[in-house]
PDB file of all heavy atoms in Angstrom:
ATOM      1  N   GLY A   1     -20.410 -20.352 -54.109  1.00  0.00           N
ATOM      2  CA  GLY A   1     -19.527 -19.486 -54.889  1.00  0.00           C
ATOM      3  C   GLY A   1     -20.203 -18.173 -55.240  1.00  0.00           C
ATOM      4  O   GLY A   1     -19.603 -17.100 -55.157  1.00  0.00           O
ATOM      5  N   PHE A   2     -21.458 -18.257 -55.618  1.00  0.00           N
ATOM      6  CA  PHE A   2     -22.195 -17.057 -55.975  1.00  0.00           C
ATOM      7  C   PHE A   2     -22.390 -16.160 -54.761  1.00  0.00           C
ATOM      8  O   PHE A   2     -22.270 -14.936 -54.863  1.00  0.00           O
ATOM      9  CB  PHE A   2     -23.542 -17.432 -56.596  1.00  0.00           C
ATOM     10  CG  PHE A   2     -24.268 -16.277 -57.206  1.00  0.00           C
ATOM     11  CD1 PHE A   2     -23.845 -15.739 -58.408  1.00  0.00           C
ATOM     12  CD2 PHE A   2     -25.376 -15.732 -56.584  1.00  0.00           C
ATOM     13  CE1 PHE A   2     -24.503 -14.667 -58.971  1.00  0.00           C
ATOM     14  CE2 PHE A   2     -26.051 -14.666 -57.147  1.00  0.00           C
ATOM     15  CZ  PHE A   2     -25.615 -14.129 -58.341  1.00  0.00           C
ATOM     16  N   SER A   3     -22.663 -16.756 -53.603  1.00  0.00           N
ATOM     17  CA  SER A   3     -22.858 -15.939 -52.402  1.00  0.00           C
ATOM     18  C   SER A   3     -21.563 -15.240 -52.001  1.00  0.00           C
ATOM     19  O   SER A   3     -21.594 -14.100 -51.534  1.00  0.00           O
ATOM     20  CB  SER A   3     -23.395 -16.777 -51.245  1.00  0.00           C
ATOM     21  OG  SER A   3     -22.423 -17.675 -50.778  1.00  0.00           O
ATOM     22  N   VAL A   4     -20.424 -15.909 -52.207  1.00  0.00           N
ATOM     23  CA  VAL A   4     -19.140 -15.278 -51.907  1.00  0.00           C
ATOM     24  C   VAL A   4     -18.926 -14.073 -52.822  1.00  0.00           C
ATOM     25  O   VAL A   4     -18.499 -13.004 -52.380  1.00  0.00           O
ATOM     26  CB  VAL A   4     -17.975 -16.286 -52.043  1.00  0.00           C
ATOM     27  CG1 VAL A   4     -16.631 -15.585 -52.007  1.00  0.00           C
ATOM     28  CG2 VAL A   4     -18.051 -17.333 -50.948  1.00  0.00           C
ATOM     29  N   ILE A   5     -19.263 -14.240 -54.089  1.00  0.00           N
ATOM     30  CA  ILE A   5     -19.105 -13.137 -55.041  1.00  0.00           C
ATOM     31  C   ILE A   5     -20.010 -11.967 -54.649  1.00  0.00           C
ATOM     32  O   ILE A   5     -19.571 -10.808 -54.633  1.00  0.00           O
ATOM     33  CB  ILE A   5     -19.404 -13.614 -56.478  1.00  0.00           C
ATOM     34  CG1 ILE A   5     -18.326 -14.585 -56.938  1.00  0.00           C
ATOM     35  CG2 ILE A   5     -19.527 -12.432 -57.433  1.00  0.00           C
ATOM     36  CD1 ILE A   5     -18.644 -15.311 -58.224  1.00  0.00           C
ATOM     37  N   LEU A   6     -21.263 -12.256 -54.318  1.00  0.00           N
ATOM     38  CA  LEU A   6     -22.183 -11.183 -53.921  1.00  0.00           C
ATOM     39  C   LEU A   6     -21.706 -10.471 -52.653  1.00  0.00           C
ATOM     40  O   LEU A   6     -21.767  -9.242 -52.560  1.00  0.00           O
ATOM     41  CB  LEU A   6     -23.587 -11.727 -53.713  1.00  0.00           C
ATOM     42  CG  LEU A   6     -24.381 -12.062 -54.964  1.00  0.00           C
ATOM     43  CD1 LEU A   6     -25.771 -12.561 -54.588  1.00  0.00           C
ATOM     44  CD2 LEU A   6     -24.490 -10.862 -55.876  1.00  0.00           C
ATOM     45  N   LYS A   7     -21.233 -11.240 -51.685  1.00  0.00           N
ATOM     46  CA  LYS A   7     -20.741 -10.629 -50.449  1.00  0.00           C
ATOM     47  C   LYS A   7     -19.509  -9.773 -50.721  1.00  0.00           C
ATOM     48  O   LYS A   7     -19.365  -8.687 -50.153  1.00  0.00           O
ATOM     49  CB  LYS A   7     -20.415 -11.707 -49.416  1.00  0.00           C
ATOM     50  CG  LYS A   7     -21.646 -12.359 -48.824  1.00  0.00           C
ATOM     51  CD  LYS A   7     -21.258 -13.480 -47.878  1.00  0.00           C
ATOM     52  CE  LYS A   7     -22.478 -14.243 -47.397  1.00  0.00           C
ATOM     53  NZ  LYS A   7     -22.110 -15.394 -46.552  1.00  0.00           N
ATOM     54  N   ALA A   8     -18.624 -10.253 -51.591  1.00  0.00           N
ATOM     55  CA  ALA A   8     -17.423  -9.481 -51.922  1.00  0.00           C
ATOM     56  C   ALA A   8     -17.788  -8.175 -52.609  1.00  0.00           C
ATOM     57  O   ALA A   8     -17.220  -7.113 -52.311  1.00  0.00           O
ATOM     58  CB  ALA A   8     -16.492 -10.314 -52.803  1.00  0.00           C
ATOM     59  N   VAL A   9     -18.752  -8.226 -53.510  1.00  0.00           N
ATOM     60  CA  VAL A   9     -19.195  -7.006 -54.190  1.00  0.00           C
ATOM     61  C   VAL A   9     -19.825  -6.048 -53.179  1.00  0.00           C
ATOM     62  O   VAL A   9     -19.554  -4.841 -53.199  1.00  0.00           O
ATOM     63  CB  VAL A   9     -20.181  -7.345 -55.337  1.00  0.00           C
ATOM     64  CG1 VAL A   9     -20.862  -6.101 -55.870  1.00  0.00           C
ATOM     65  CG2 VAL A   9     -19.453  -8.067 -56.455  1.00  0.00           C
ATOM     66  N   ALA A  10     -20.643  -6.571 -52.284  1.00  0.00           N
ATOM     67  CA  ALA A  10     -21.285  -5.722 -51.268  1.00  0.00           C
ATOM     68  C   ALA A  10     -20.237  -5.080 -50.362  1.00  0.00           C
ATOM     69  O   ALA A  10     -20.317  -3.876 -50.059  1.00  0.00           O
ATOM     70  CB  ALA A  10     -22.276  -6.541 -50.443  1.00  0.00           C
ATOM     71  N   ILE A  11     -19.247  -5.857 -49.949  1.00  0.00           N
ATOM     72  CA  ILE A  11     -18.180  -5.319 -49.093  1.00  0.00           C
ATOM     73  C   ILE A  11     -17.414  -4.231 -49.832  1.00  0.00           C
ATOM     74  O   ILE A  11     -17.110  -3.175 -49.268  1.00  0.00           O
ATOM     75  CB  ILE A  11     -17.237  -6.442 -48.625  1.00  0.00           C
ATOM     76  CG1 ILE A  11     -17.943  -7.347 -47.617  1.00  0.00           C
ATOM     77  CG2 ILE A  11     -15.962  -5.862 -48.013  1.00  0.00           C
ATOM     78  CD1 ILE A  11     -17.182  -8.622 -47.302  1.00  0.00           C
ATOM     79  N   SER A  12     -17.097  -4.470 -51.097  1.00  0.00           N
ATOM     80  CA  SER A  12     -16.330  -3.470 -51.841  1.00  0.00           C
ATOM     81  C   SER A  12     -17.124  -2.178 -52.031  1.00  0.00           C
ATOM     82  O   SER A  12     -16.576  -1.083 -51.886  1.00  0.00           O
ATOM     83  CB  SER A  12     -15.879  -4.024 -53.193  1.00  0.00           C
ATOM     84  OG  SER A  12     -16.977  -4.249 -54.039  1.00  0.00           O
ATOM     85  N   TYR A  13     -18.427  -2.283 -52.322  1.00  0.00           N
ATOM     86  CA  TYR A  13     -19.248  -1.077 -52.458  1.00  0.00           C
ATOM     87  C   TYR A  13     -19.364  -0.340 -51.132  1.00  0.00           C
ATOM     88  O   TYR A  13     -19.293   0.893 -51.093  1.00  0.00           O
ATOM     89  CB  TYR A  13     -20.635  -1.412 -52.988  1.00  0.00           C
ATOM     90  CG  TYR A  13     -20.678  -1.641 -54.479  1.00  0.00           C
ATOM     91  CD1 TYR A  13     -21.503  -2.619 -55.020  1.00  0.00           C
ATOM     92  CD2 TYR A  13     -19.903  -0.901 -55.352  1.00  0.00           C
ATOM     93  CE1 TYR A  13     -21.548  -2.837 -56.386  1.00  0.00           C
ATOM     94  CE2 TYR A  13     -19.944  -1.113 -56.714  1.00  0.00           C
ATOM     95  CZ  TYR A  13     -20.772  -2.075 -57.227  1.00  0.00           C
ATOM     96  OH  TYR A  13     -20.821  -2.290 -58.565  1.00  0.00           O
ATOM     97  N   LEU A  14     -19.551  -1.072 -50.055  1.00  0.00           N
ATOM     98  CA  LEU A  14     -19.671  -0.446 -48.742  1.00  0.00           C
ATOM     99  C   LEU A  14     -18.365   0.250 -48.345  1.00  0.00           C
ATOM    100  O   LEU A  14     -18.385   1.383 -47.850  1.00  0.00           O
ATOM    101  CB  LEU A  14     -20.066  -1.481 -47.689  1.00  0.00           C
ATOM    102  CG  LEU A  14     -20.262  -0.958 -46.281  1.00  0.00           C
ATOM    103  CD1 LEU A  14     -21.393   0.065 -46.243  1.00  0.00           C
ATOM    104  CD2 LEU A  14     -20.564  -2.102 -45.330  1.00  0.00           C
ATOM    105  N   ALA A  15     -17.235  -0.419 -48.586  1.00  0.00           N
ATOM    106  CA  ALA A  15     -15.945   0.187 -48.253  1.00  0.00           C
ATOM    107  C   ALA A  15     -15.688   1.421 -49.113  1.00  0.00           C
ATOM    108  O   ALA A  15     -15.184   2.440 -48.613  1.00  0.00           O
ATOM    109  CB  ALA A  15     -14.817  -0.839 -48.441  1.00  0.00           C
ATOM    110  N   GLU A  16     -16.044   1.345 -50.389  1.00  0.00           N
ATOM    111  CA  GLU A  16     -15.852   2.496 -51.267  1.00  0.00           C
ATOM    112  C   GLU A  16     -16.751   3.658 -50.836  1.00  0.00           C
ATOM    113  O   GLU A  16     -16.313   4.806 -50.772  1.00  0.00           O
ATOM    114  CB  GLU A  16     -16.155   2.121 -52.715  1.00  0.00           C
ATOM    115  CG  GLU A  16     -15.945   3.255 -53.689  1.00  0.00           C
ATOM    116  CD  GLU A  16     -16.264   2.874 -55.110  1.00  0.00           C
ATOM    117  OE1 GLU A  16     -16.598   1.705 -55.374  1.00  0.00           O
ATOM    118  OE2 GLU A  16     -16.195   3.766 -55.968  1.00  0.00           O
ATOM    119  N   PHE A  17     -18.007   3.357 -50.528  1.00  0.00           N
ATOM    120  CA  PHE A  17     -18.936   4.397 -50.071  1.00  0.00           C
ATOM    121  C   PHE A  17     -18.421   5.051 -48.787  1.00  0.00           C
ATOM    122  O   PHE A  17     -18.388   6.283 -48.668  1.00  0.00           O
ATOM    123  CB  PHE A  17     -20.324   3.796 -49.833  1.00  0.00           C
ATOM    124  CG  PHE A  17     -21.248   4.689 -49.076  1.00  0.00           C
ATOM    125  CD1 PHE A  17     -21.818   5.795 -49.690  1.00  0.00           C
ATOM    126  CD2 PHE A  17     -21.551   4.442 -47.741  1.00  0.00           C
ATOM    127  CE1 PHE A  17     -22.677   6.629 -48.989  1.00  0.00           C
ATOM    128  CE2 PHE A  17     -22.402   5.269 -47.042  1.00  0.00           C
ATOM    129  CZ  PHE A  17     -22.960   6.372 -47.658  1.00  0.00           C
ATOM    130  N   SER A  18     -18.000   4.236 -47.833  1.00  0.00           N
ATOM    131  CA  SER A  18     -17.500   4.771 -46.563  1.00  0.00           C
ATOM    132  C   SER A  18     -16.224   5.579 -46.771  1.00  0.00           C
ATOM    133  O   SER A  18     -16.056   6.654 -46.190  1.00  0.00           O
ATOM    134  CB  SER A  18     -17.245   3.639 -45.572  1.00  0.00           C
ATOM    135  OG  SER A  18     -18.414   2.916 -45.340  1.00  0.00           O
ATOM    136  N   GLY A  19     -15.331   5.056 -47.601  1.00  0.00           N
ATOM    137  CA  GLY A  19     -14.089   5.770 -47.887  1.00  0.00           C
ATOM    138  C   GLY A  19     -14.338   7.101 -48.578  1.00  0.00           C
ATOM    139  O   GLY A  19     -13.723   8.117 -48.238  1.00  0.00           O
ATOM    140  N   ASP A  20     -15.241   7.100 -49.543  1.00  0.00           N
ATOM    141  CA  ASP A  20     -15.564   8.352 -50.236  1.00  0.00           C
ATOM    142  C   ASP A  20     -16.193   9.365 -49.294  1.00  0.00           C
ATOM    143  O   ASP A  20     -15.905  10.567 -49.375  1.00  0.00           O
ATOM    144  CB  ASP A  20     -16.507   8.087 -51.417  1.00  0.00           C
ATOM    145  CG  ASP A  20     -15.810   7.408 -52.576  1.00  0.00           C
ATOM    146  OD1 ASP A  20     -14.563   7.399 -52.607  1.00  0.00           O
ATOM    147  OD2 ASP A  20     -16.520   6.872 -53.455  1.00  0.00           O
ATOM    148  N   THR A  21     -17.041   8.886 -48.388  1.00  0.00           N
ATOM    149  CA  THR A  21     -17.658   9.788 -47.411  1.00  0.00           C
ATOM    150  C   THR A  21     -16.589  10.388 -46.498  1.00  0.00           C
ATOM    151  O   THR A  21     -16.614  11.593 -46.220  1.00  0.00           O
ATOM    152  CB  THR A  21     -18.716   9.044 -46.574  1.00  0.00           C
ATOM    153  OG1 THR A  21     -19.704   8.507 -47.459  1.00  0.00           O
ATOM    154  CG2 THR A  21     -19.388   9.972 -45.578  1.00  0.00           C
ATOM    155  N   CYS A  22     -15.654   9.564 -46.072  1.00  0.00           N
ATOM    156  CA  CYS A  22     -14.556  10.075 -45.233  1.00  0.00           C
ATOM    157  C   CYS A  22     -13.726  11.101 -46.003  1.00  0.00           C
ATOM    158  O   CYS A  22     -13.366  12.145 -45.468  1.00  0.00           O
ATOM    159  CB  CYS A  22     -13.656   8.929 -44.769  1.00  0.00           C
ATOM    160  SG  CYS A  22     -14.425   7.811 -43.595  1.00  0.00           S
ATOM    161  N   ARG A  23     -13.427  10.795 -47.271  1.00  0.00           N
ATOM    162  CA  ARG A  23     -12.647  11.707 -48.106  1.00  0.00           C
ATOM    163  C   ARG A  23     -13.366  13.035 -48.326  1.00  0.00           C
ATOM    164  O   ARG A  23     -12.731  14.094 -48.362  1.00  0.00           O
ATOM    165  CB  ARG A  23     -12.342  11.060 -49.451  1.00  0.00           C
ATOM    166  CG  ARG A  23     -10.895  10.759 -49.635  1.00  0.00           C
ATOM    167  CD  ARG A  23     -10.592  10.185 -51.013  1.00  0.00           C
ATOM    168  NE  ARG A  23      -9.993   8.878 -50.806  1.00  0.00           N
ATOM    169  CZ  ARG A  23     -10.642   7.725 -50.833  1.00  0.00           C
ATOM    170  NH1 ARG A  23     -11.900   7.669 -51.121  1.00  0.00           N
ATOM    171  NH2 ARG A  23     -10.011   6.599 -50.611  1.00  0.00           N
ATOM    172  N   ASP A  24     -14.686  12.969 -48.484  1.00  0.00           N
ATOM    173  CA  ASP A  24     -15.468  14.186 -48.688  1.00  0.00           C
ATOM    174  C   ASP A  24     -15.313  15.164 -47.530  1.00  0.00           C
ATOM    175  O   ASP A  24     -15.434  16.375 -47.715  1.00  0.00           O
ATOM    176  CB  ASP A  24     -16.957  13.863 -48.853  1.00  0.00           C
ATOM    177  CG  ASP A  24     -17.272  13.273 -50.206  1.00  0.00           C
ATOM    178  OD1 ASP A  24     -16.422  13.369 -51.120  1.00  0.00           O
ATOM    179  OD2 ASP A  24     -18.373  12.697 -50.357  1.00  0.00           O
ATOM    180  N   PHE A  25     -15.054  14.637 -46.356  1.00  0.00           N
ATOM    181  CA  PHE A  25     -14.935  15.493 -45.187  1.00  0.00           C
ATOM    182  C   PHE A  25     -13.501  15.592 -44.682  1.00  0.00           C
ATOM    183  O   PHE A  25     -13.251  15.858 -43.519  1.00  0.00           O
ATOM    184  CB  PHE A  25     -15.903  15.022 -44.098  1.00  0.00           C
ATOM    185  CG  PHE A  25     -17.328  15.244 -44.514  1.00  0.00           C
ATOM    186  CD1 PHE A  25     -18.057  14.242 -45.137  1.00  0.00           C
ATOM    187  CD2 PHE A  25     -17.907  16.488 -44.367  1.00  0.00           C
ATOM    188  CE1 PHE A  25     -19.348  14.467 -45.577  1.00  0.00           C
ATOM    189  CE2 PHE A  25     -19.198  16.721 -44.801  1.00  0.00           C
ATOM    190  CZ  PHE A  25     -19.922  15.709 -45.403  1.00  0.00           C
ATOM    191  N   GLY A  26     -12.553  15.370 -45.606  1.00  0.00           N
ATOM    192  CA  GLY A  26     -11.146  15.625 -45.314  1.00  0.00           C
ATOM    193  C   GLY A  26     -10.431  14.562 -44.514  1.00  0.00           C
ATOM    194  O   GLY A  26      -9.312  14.791 -44.071  1.00  0.00           O
TER     195      GLY A  26
END
């Protein structure tokens, strides 16, 4: 259960980082 939570948090941070980077460049 803990590993699922950690993986979900990592995925959400990675997706947010990638999305923000894409947004920064239009």
